[in-house]
N, C-alpha and C. Protein backbone atom coordinates (compact mmCIF):
# COMPACT_ATOMS: atom_id res chain seq x y z
N MET A 1 6.86 102.30 246.37
CA MET A 1 7.33 103.55 245.80
C MET A 1 6.19 104.56 245.70
N LYS A 2 5.03 104.10 245.28
CA LYS A 2 3.90 105.02 245.16
C LYS A 2 3.56 105.61 246.52
N ASN A 3 3.64 104.81 247.58
CA ASN A 3 3.35 105.30 248.92
C ASN A 3 4.33 106.40 249.32
N LEU A 4 5.60 106.24 248.98
CA LEU A 4 6.60 107.25 249.28
C LEU A 4 6.30 108.54 248.52
N THR A 5 5.88 108.43 247.27
CA THR A 5 5.51 109.60 246.49
C THR A 5 4.31 110.29 247.11
N THR A 6 3.34 109.53 247.54
CA THR A 6 2.16 110.09 248.18
C THR A 6 2.54 110.84 249.44
N GLN A 7 3.45 110.30 250.22
CA GLN A 7 3.91 110.96 251.44
C GLN A 7 4.59 112.29 251.11
N LYS A 8 5.41 112.30 250.08
CA LYS A 8 6.09 113.54 249.69
C LYS A 8 5.09 114.59 249.24
N VAL A 9 4.13 114.17 248.42
CA VAL A 9 3.13 115.10 247.91
C VAL A 9 2.31 115.67 249.06
N ASN A 10 1.89 114.82 249.97
CA ASN A 10 1.12 115.30 251.12
C ASN A 10 1.92 116.27 251.98
N TYR A 11 3.20 116.02 252.13
CA TYR A 11 4.05 116.93 252.90
C TYR A 11 4.15 118.28 252.19
N LEU A 12 4.40 118.26 250.89
CA LEU A 12 4.56 119.50 250.14
C LEU A 12 3.26 120.28 249.99
N LYS A 13 2.14 119.61 250.06
CA LYS A 13 0.84 120.25 249.89
C LYS A 13 0.62 121.37 250.90
N GLN A 14 1.17 121.24 252.07
CA GLN A 14 0.96 122.25 253.11
C GLN A 14 1.62 123.60 252.78
N PHE A 15 2.50 123.61 251.79
CA PHE A 15 3.23 124.83 251.45
C PHE A 15 2.63 125.61 250.28
N VAL A 16 1.52 125.13 249.71
CA VAL A 16 0.89 125.81 248.59
C VAL A 16 -0.54 126.20 248.92
N THR A 17 -1.03 127.20 248.22
CA THR A 17 -2.42 127.63 248.42
C THR A 17 -3.37 126.60 247.81
N ASP A 18 -4.63 126.69 248.20
CA ASP A 18 -5.63 125.76 247.66
C ASP A 18 -5.78 125.94 246.15
N ASP A 19 -5.68 127.18 245.67
CA ASP A 19 -5.78 127.43 244.23
C ASP A 19 -4.63 126.78 243.47
N LYS A 20 -3.43 126.92 244.00
CA LYS A 20 -2.26 126.29 243.35
C LYS A 20 -2.37 124.78 243.38
N TRP A 21 -2.87 124.23 244.47
CA TRP A 21 -3.02 122.78 244.59
C TRP A 21 -4.03 122.27 243.56
N ALA A 22 -5.13 122.98 243.38
CA ALA A 22 -6.13 122.61 242.39
C ALA A 22 -5.53 122.67 240.98
N LEU A 23 -4.75 123.71 240.70
CA LEU A 23 -4.10 123.84 239.40
C LEU A 23 -3.11 122.70 239.17
N PHE A 24 -2.34 122.36 240.18
CA PHE A 24 -1.38 121.26 240.08
C PHE A 24 -2.10 119.96 239.74
N ASN A 25 -3.18 119.66 240.43
CA ASN A 25 -3.92 118.43 240.18
C ASN A 25 -4.52 118.40 238.78
N LYS A 26 -5.00 119.54 238.32
CA LYS A 26 -5.57 119.62 236.97
C LYS A 26 -4.49 119.34 235.92
N ILE A 27 -3.35 119.96 236.08
CA ILE A 27 -2.27 119.82 235.10
C ILE A 27 -1.63 118.44 235.18
N ALA A 28 -1.44 117.90 236.36
CA ALA A 28 -0.79 116.59 236.53
C ALA A 28 -1.58 115.49 235.81
N HIS A 29 -2.88 115.60 235.78
CA HIS A 29 -3.70 114.58 235.11
C HIS A 29 -3.66 114.70 233.59
N LEU A 30 -3.14 115.80 233.09
CA LEU A 30 -3.07 116.00 231.64
C LEU A 30 -1.76 115.50 231.04
N ARG A 31 -0.81 115.11 231.87
CA ARG A 31 0.47 114.64 231.37
C ARG A 31 0.28 113.32 230.63
N THR A 32 1.16 113.02 229.70
CA THR A 32 0.99 111.82 228.87
C THR A 32 2.19 110.89 228.96
N ARG A 33 1.90 109.62 228.84
CA ARG A 33 2.93 108.60 228.72
C ARG A 33 2.81 107.89 227.38
N TYR A 34 2.06 108.49 226.45
CA TYR A 34 1.90 107.93 225.11
C TYR A 34 3.13 108.20 224.24
N PHE A 35 3.92 109.16 224.63
CA PHE A 35 5.16 109.49 223.93
C PHE A 35 6.31 109.34 224.89
N THR A 36 7.43 108.88 224.38
CA THR A 36 8.66 108.81 225.16
C THR A 36 9.76 109.45 224.33
N VAL A 37 10.54 110.31 224.96
CA VAL A 37 11.65 110.97 224.28
C VAL A 37 12.94 110.28 224.72
N VAL A 38 13.82 110.03 223.75
CA VAL A 38 15.10 109.40 224.03
C VAL A 38 16.21 110.35 223.57
N LEU A 39 17.15 110.62 224.47
CA LEU A 39 18.34 111.41 224.15
C LEU A 39 19.54 110.49 224.23
N GLU A 40 20.41 110.57 223.24
CA GLU A 40 21.59 109.72 223.24
C GLU A 40 22.83 110.55 222.98
N ASP A 41 23.78 110.46 223.89
CA ASP A 41 25.10 111.10 223.76
C ASP A 41 24.99 112.58 223.39
N ILE A 42 24.17 113.29 224.12
CA ILE A 42 24.07 114.74 223.92
C ILE A 42 25.24 115.39 224.65
N TYR A 43 26.05 116.13 223.93
CA TYR A 43 27.23 116.73 224.57
C TYR A 43 27.09 118.22 224.80
N GLN A 44 26.07 118.84 224.29
CA GLN A 44 25.84 120.26 224.54
C GLN A 44 24.71 120.38 225.56
N THR A 45 25.05 120.82 226.77
CA THR A 45 24.07 120.84 227.86
C THR A 45 22.87 121.71 227.54
N GLN A 46 23.07 122.79 226.79
CA GLN A 46 21.92 123.65 226.50
C GLN A 46 20.89 122.92 225.64
N ASN A 47 21.32 122.02 224.78
CA ASN A 47 20.39 121.27 223.95
C ASN A 47 19.57 120.27 224.77
N SER A 48 20.23 119.49 225.60
CA SER A 48 19.51 118.50 226.39
C SER A 48 18.59 119.17 227.40
N SER A 49 19.03 120.25 228.00
CA SER A 49 18.19 120.95 228.97
C SER A 49 16.98 121.58 228.29
N ALA A 50 17.16 122.09 227.09
CA ALA A 50 16.03 122.64 226.34
C ALA A 50 15.03 121.55 225.97
N VAL A 51 15.50 120.35 225.67
CA VAL A 51 14.61 119.23 225.38
C VAL A 51 13.78 118.90 226.62
N LEU A 52 14.40 118.88 227.79
CA LEU A 52 13.67 118.61 229.03
C LEU A 52 12.58 119.66 229.25
N ARG A 53 12.92 120.91 229.05
CA ARG A 53 11.96 121.99 229.23
C ARG A 53 10.80 121.86 228.24
N THR A 54 11.11 121.52 227.01
CA THR A 54 10.08 121.36 225.99
C THR A 54 9.17 120.18 226.30
N CYS A 55 9.75 119.06 226.73
CA CYS A 55 8.94 117.90 227.10
C CYS A 55 7.99 118.24 228.24
N ASP A 56 8.48 118.95 229.22
CA ASP A 56 7.62 119.35 230.33
C ASP A 56 6.50 120.25 229.84
N ALA A 57 6.80 121.17 228.95
CA ALA A 57 5.79 122.09 228.43
C ALA A 57 4.69 121.36 227.66
N PHE A 58 5.06 120.28 226.97
CA PHE A 58 4.09 119.52 226.19
C PHE A 58 3.46 118.39 226.99
N GLY A 59 3.83 118.25 228.25
CA GLY A 59 3.22 117.24 229.11
C GLY A 59 3.74 115.84 228.90
N ILE A 60 4.91 115.71 228.28
CA ILE A 60 5.52 114.39 228.08
C ILE A 60 6.23 114.00 229.37
N GLN A 61 5.86 112.87 229.93
CA GLN A 61 6.36 112.48 231.25
C GLN A 61 7.69 111.75 231.21
N ASP A 62 7.89 110.87 230.23
CA ASP A 62 9.04 109.97 230.25
C ASP A 62 10.14 110.39 229.28
N ILE A 63 11.33 110.55 229.81
CA ILE A 63 12.53 110.86 229.03
C ILE A 63 13.57 109.80 229.36
N HIS A 64 14.17 109.22 228.33
CA HIS A 64 15.25 108.25 228.53
C HIS A 64 16.54 108.85 228.01
N ILE A 65 17.59 108.72 228.79
CA ILE A 65 18.88 109.29 228.43
C ILE A 65 19.89 108.15 228.33
N ILE A 66 20.52 108.04 227.17
CA ILE A 66 21.51 106.99 226.92
C ILE A 66 22.87 107.64 226.84
N GLU A 67 23.77 107.21 227.68
CA GLU A 67 25.12 107.78 227.74
C GLU A 67 26.13 106.73 227.32
N ASN A 68 26.54 106.75 226.08
CA ASN A 68 27.59 105.85 225.62
C ASN A 68 28.94 106.56 225.61
N ASN A 69 28.95 107.77 225.09
CA ASN A 69 30.19 108.52 224.95
C ASN A 69 30.23 109.81 225.76
N CYS A 70 29.09 110.38 226.02
CA CYS A 70 29.01 111.68 226.71
C CYS A 70 28.22 111.54 228.00
N ASN A 71 28.67 112.21 229.05
CA ASN A 71 27.93 112.25 230.31
C ASN A 71 26.82 113.27 230.21
N PHE A 72 25.65 112.90 230.68
CA PHE A 72 24.51 113.80 230.65
C PHE A 72 24.61 114.80 231.78
N LYS A 73 24.52 116.07 231.45
CA LYS A 73 24.55 117.14 232.45
C LYS A 73 23.42 118.10 232.16
N ILE A 74 22.68 118.44 233.20
CA ILE A 74 21.58 119.38 233.07
C ILE A 74 22.12 120.79 233.28
N ASN A 75 21.73 121.71 232.40
CA ASN A 75 22.07 123.11 232.56
C ASN A 75 20.91 123.79 233.27
N PRO A 76 21.07 124.11 234.57
CA PRO A 76 19.95 124.65 235.34
C PRO A 76 19.44 126.00 234.84
N GLU A 77 20.27 126.75 234.14
CA GLU A 77 19.83 128.04 233.62
C GLU A 77 18.88 127.88 232.44
N ILE A 78 18.91 126.72 231.80
CA ILE A 78 18.05 126.49 230.62
C ILE A 78 16.85 125.63 230.97
N GLU A 79 17.04 124.59 231.78
CA GLU A 79 15.93 123.70 232.06
C GLU A 79 14.98 124.27 233.11
N LEU A 80 15.41 125.25 233.87
CA LEU A 80 14.56 126.00 234.80
C LEU A 80 13.75 125.13 235.76
N GLY A 81 14.35 124.04 236.22
CA GLY A 81 13.71 123.19 237.24
C GLY A 81 12.73 122.17 236.70
N THR A 82 12.55 122.11 235.38
CA THR A 82 11.55 121.18 234.85
C THR A 82 11.93 119.72 235.02
N SER A 83 13.21 119.42 235.14
CA SER A 83 13.61 118.02 235.24
C SER A 83 13.06 117.35 236.50
N GLN A 84 12.73 118.12 237.51
CA GLN A 84 12.18 117.52 238.73
C GLN A 84 10.78 116.96 238.53
N TRP A 85 10.11 117.33 237.44
CA TRP A 85 8.76 116.86 237.17
C TRP A 85 8.70 115.73 236.16
N LEU A 86 9.85 115.36 235.60
CA LEU A 86 9.90 114.35 234.55
C LEU A 86 10.44 113.03 235.08
N SER A 87 10.05 111.95 234.42
CA SER A 87 10.58 110.63 234.78
C SER A 87 11.67 110.24 233.81
């Protein structure tokens, strides 16, 4: 899996400037796995999407979503693409 991720990153690297690549590497190393956020049965999409955005802003990498009664749906207008950077 790590090899596949490396291949994707190397492919995408060609589309960014050297300055952006340096910034990405600096920020990526600052992310943390010391905290994990858990969401359970969130039924208001704006709330769950805002949590994803906030976790990304604080550098929290891992989010767990538990769906017992409600299906998890991301609101793209609120999360603004941050979910693609979270695990």
